[in-house]
C-alpha atoms as a PDB file:
ATOM      1  CA  GLY A   1     183.525 107.535 175.726  1.00  0.00           C
ATOM      2  CA  GLU A   2     185.053 109.365 178.571  1.00  0.00           C
ATOM      3  CA  SER A   3     187.786 110.022 180.565  1.00  0.00           C
ATOM      4  CA  VAL A   4     188.008 111.707 183.769  1.00  0.00           C
ATOM      5  CA  ILE A   5     190.750 113.278 185.609  1.00  0.00           C
ATOM      6  CA  ASN A   6     191.052 115.123 188.858  1.00  0.00           C
ATOM      7  CA  ILE A   7     193.083 118.335 189.039  1.00  0.00           C
ATOM      8  CA  PRO A   8     194.022 120.067 193.156  1.00  0.00           C
ATOM      9  CA  CYS A   9     193.946 123.584 193.310  1.00  0.00           C
ATOM     10  CA  LYS A  10     193.661 126.506 195.188  1.00  0.00           C
ATOM     11  CA  ALA A  11     190.919 128.875 196.098  1.00  0.00           C
ATOM     12  CA  GLY A  12     191.480 132.213 193.851  1.00  0.00           C
ATOM     13  CA  GLU A  13     194.271 130.659 191.619  1.00  0.00           C
ATOM     14  CA  GLU A  14     193.856 130.627 187.766  1.00  0.00           C
ATOM     15  CA  VAL A  15     194.277 126.908 186.729  1.00  0.00           C
ATOM     16  CA  THR A  16     194.548 126.585 182.751  1.00  0.00           C
ATOM     17  CA  VAL A  17     194.429 122.825 180.942  1.00  0.00           C
ATOM     18  CA  GLU A  18     195.770 122.932 177.269  1.00  0.00           C
ATOM     19  CA  VAL A  19     194.561 119.374 175.621  1.00  0.00           C
ATOM     20  CA  ALA A  20     196.290 118.746 171.687  1.00  0.00           C
ATOM     21  CA  VAL A  21     193.049 116.363 170.388  1.00  0.00           C
ATOM     22  CA  ARG A  22     192.357 114.983 167.088  1.00  0.00           C
ATOM     23  CA  TYR A  23     190.022 112.409 165.497  1.00  0.00           C
ATOM     24  CA  ASP A  24     189.937 110.200 162.002  1.00  0.00           C
ATOM     25  CA  ASN A  25     185.849 110.632 160.547  1.00  0.00           C
ATOM     26  CA  MET A  26     183.935 113.059 159.290  1.00  0.00           C
ATOM     27  CA  MET A  27     181.087 112.914 162.162  1.00  0.00           C
ATOM     28  CA  ILE A  28     181.178 116.763 162.289  1.00  0.00           C
ATOM     29  CA  ALA A  29     178.019 116.651 165.547  1.00  0.00           C
ATOM     30  CA  ASN A  30     180.975 113.816 167.266  1.00  0.00           C
ATOM     31  CA  VAL A  31     184.212 115.873 167.588  1.00  0.00           C
ATOM     32  CA  PRO A  32     186.145 115.975 170.318  1.00  0.00           C
ATOM     33  CA  THR A  33     185.491 117.723 173.282  1.00  0.00           C
ATOM     34  CA  ILE A  34     186.831 118.517 176.831  1.00  0.00           C
ATOM     35  CA  SER A  35     185.009 120.193 179.689  1.00  0.00           C
ATOM     36  CA  MET A  36     186.251 121.432 183.798  1.00  0.00           C
ATOM     37  CA  GLU A  37     183.958 121.282 186.444  1.00  0.00           C
ATOM     38  CA  GLY A  38     183.817 122.078 190.157  1.00  0.00           C
ATOM     39  CA  LYS A  39     181.772 123.616 193.055  1.00  0.00           C
ATOM     40  CA  GLY A  40     183.588 126.713 193.162  1.00  0.00           C
ATOM     41  CA  ILE A  41     183.655 127.363 189.022  1.00  0.00           C
ATOM     42  CA  ASN A  42     181.303 127.448 186.546  1.00  0.00           C
ATOM     43  CA  THR A  43     181.624 124.808 183.836  1.00  0.00           C
ATOM     44  CA  GLN A  44     183.973 125.572 181.419  1.00  0.00           C
ATOM     45  CA  SER A  45     184.369 124.080 177.848  1.00  0.00           C
ATOM     46  CA  ASP A  46     185.861 123.607 174.726  1.00  0.00           C
ATOM     47  CA  SER A  47     185.617 121.160 170.904  1.00  0.00           C
ATOM     48  CA  HIS A  48     187.379 120.298 168.453  1.00  0.00           C
ATOM     49  CA  THR A  49     186.939 122.656 165.467  1.00  0.00           C
ATOM     50  CA  GLY A  50     189.618 121.752 162.877  1.00  0.00           C
ATOM     51  CA  GLY A  51     188.057 119.123 161.152  1.00  0.00           C
ATOM     52  CA  ALA A  52     188.971 115.556 160.933  1.00  0.00           C
ATOM     53  CA  ASN A  53     192.301 114.327 160.542  1.00  0.00           C
ATOM     54  CA  VAL A  54     193.710 117.374 161.895  1.00  0.00           C
ATOM     55  CA  TRP A  55     195.653 118.139 165.870  1.00  0.00           C
ATOM     56  CA  ASP A  56     193.626 121.466 167.288  1.00  0.00           C
ATOM     57  CA  THR A  57     194.773 122.693 170.334  1.00  0.00           C
ATOM     58  CA  LEU A  58     191.641 122.871 173.396  1.00  0.00           C
ATOM     59  CA  LEU A  59     191.785 124.980 176.388  1.00  0.00           C
ATOM     60  CA  VAL A  60     190.264 125.430 179.896  1.00  0.00           C
ATOM     61  CA  SER A  61     190.856 128.081 182.283  1.00  0.00           C
ATOM     62  CA  ALA A  62     189.315 128.461 185.433  1.00  0.00           C
ATOM     63  CA  THR A  63     189.515 130.653 189.036  1.00  0.00           C
ATOM     64  CA  PRO A  64     187.972 128.184 191.818  1.00  0.00           C
ATOM     65  CA  THR A  65     186.213 129.796 194.805  1.00  0.00           C
ATOM     66  CA  ILE A  66     187.217 127.409 197.236  1.00  0.00           C
ATOM     67  CA  ASP A  67     190.246 125.192 197.501  1.00  0.00           C
ATOM     68  CA  GLU A  68     188.883 122.039 195.877  1.00  0.00           C
ATOM     69  CA  VAL A  69     189.390 119.089 193.151  1.00  0.00           C
ATOM     70  CA  LEU A  70     188.388 120.221 189.675  1.00  0.00           C
ATOM     71  CA  ILE A  71     187.172 117.558 187.090  1.00  0.00           C
ATOM     72  CA  LEU A  72     188.557 117.571 183.590  1.00  0.00           C
ATOM     73  CA  ARG A  73     186.264 115.542 181.324  1.00  0.00           C
ATOM     74  CA  LEU A  74     188.043 113.997 178.040  1.00  0.00           C
ATOM     75  CA  GLN A  75     184.923 113.004 175.894  1.00  0.00           C
ATOM     76  CA  ALA A  76     184.687 111.348 173.018  1.00  0.00           C
ATOM     77  CA  LYS A  77     181.448 111.157 171.457  1.00  0.00           C
ATOM     78  CA  SER A  78     180.765 108.723 168.667  1.00  0.00           C
ATOM     79  CA  GLY A  79     177.752 107.484 167.151  1.00  0.00           C
ATOM     80  CA  VAL A  80     176.694 103.701 166.402  1.00  0.00           C
ATOM     81  CA  ALA A  81     177.342 104.044 162.943  1.00  0.00           C
ATOM     82  CA  SER A  82     180.278 106.634 162.681  1.00  0.00           C
ATOM     83  CA  HIS A  83     183.307 104.254 164.353  1.00  0.00           C
ATOM     84  CA  CYS A  84     184.764 107.322 164.844  1.00  0.00           C
ATOM     85  CA  ASN A  85     188.532 107.320 166.889  1.00  0.00           C
ATOM     86  CA  HIS A  86     189.394 110.130 168.861  1.00  0.00           C
ATOM     87  CA  TYR A  87     193.201 111.471 170.189  1.00  0.00           C
ATOM     88  CA  PHE A  88     193.955 113.271 173.516  1.00  0.00           C
ATOM     89  CA  SER A  89     197.386 114.089 173.701  1.00  0.00           C
ATOM     90  CA  ASP A  90     199.949 116.264 175.739  1.00  0.00           C
ATOM     91  CA  ILE A  91     197.895 117.321 178.499  1.00  0.00           C
ATOM     92  CA  LYS A  92     199.646 120.698 180.085  1.00  0.00           C
ATOM     93  CA  VAL A  93     197.983 122.024 183.590  1.00  0.00           C
ATOM     94  CA  SER A  94     199.446 125.314 185.051  1.00  0.00           C
ATOM     95  CA  ALA A  95     198.353 127.060 187.885  1.00  0.00           C
END
C-alpha cells in the first residue's frame, strides 16, 4: 500500500523529511520506502536497510525551483505470500 502526504514548499528553500520505519518479515525485496517528488525537484527516495524488526530512519531532501506542494509517498510493498507489516512513525519535516 501507499500513503501520500502533501508538503507545501517555497522555491529555493531546502525541505528535509525524516521518517522512522520498521517491518516485521524477512522479505528483503519488499522493504518500506519513502519518496518525495514534485515538478521543481528530482524525485528523491530512501529505503529501509536495517533488516526485519529493526527501526531505521529514512531521509529525503530537496530544494524546489518553484513554489509548489511536494508529494511524500510512504510505500509499503508486500508480496501476496509475504504478509509483511510495515510501520511508519515520527515523521519530521523541516524547511
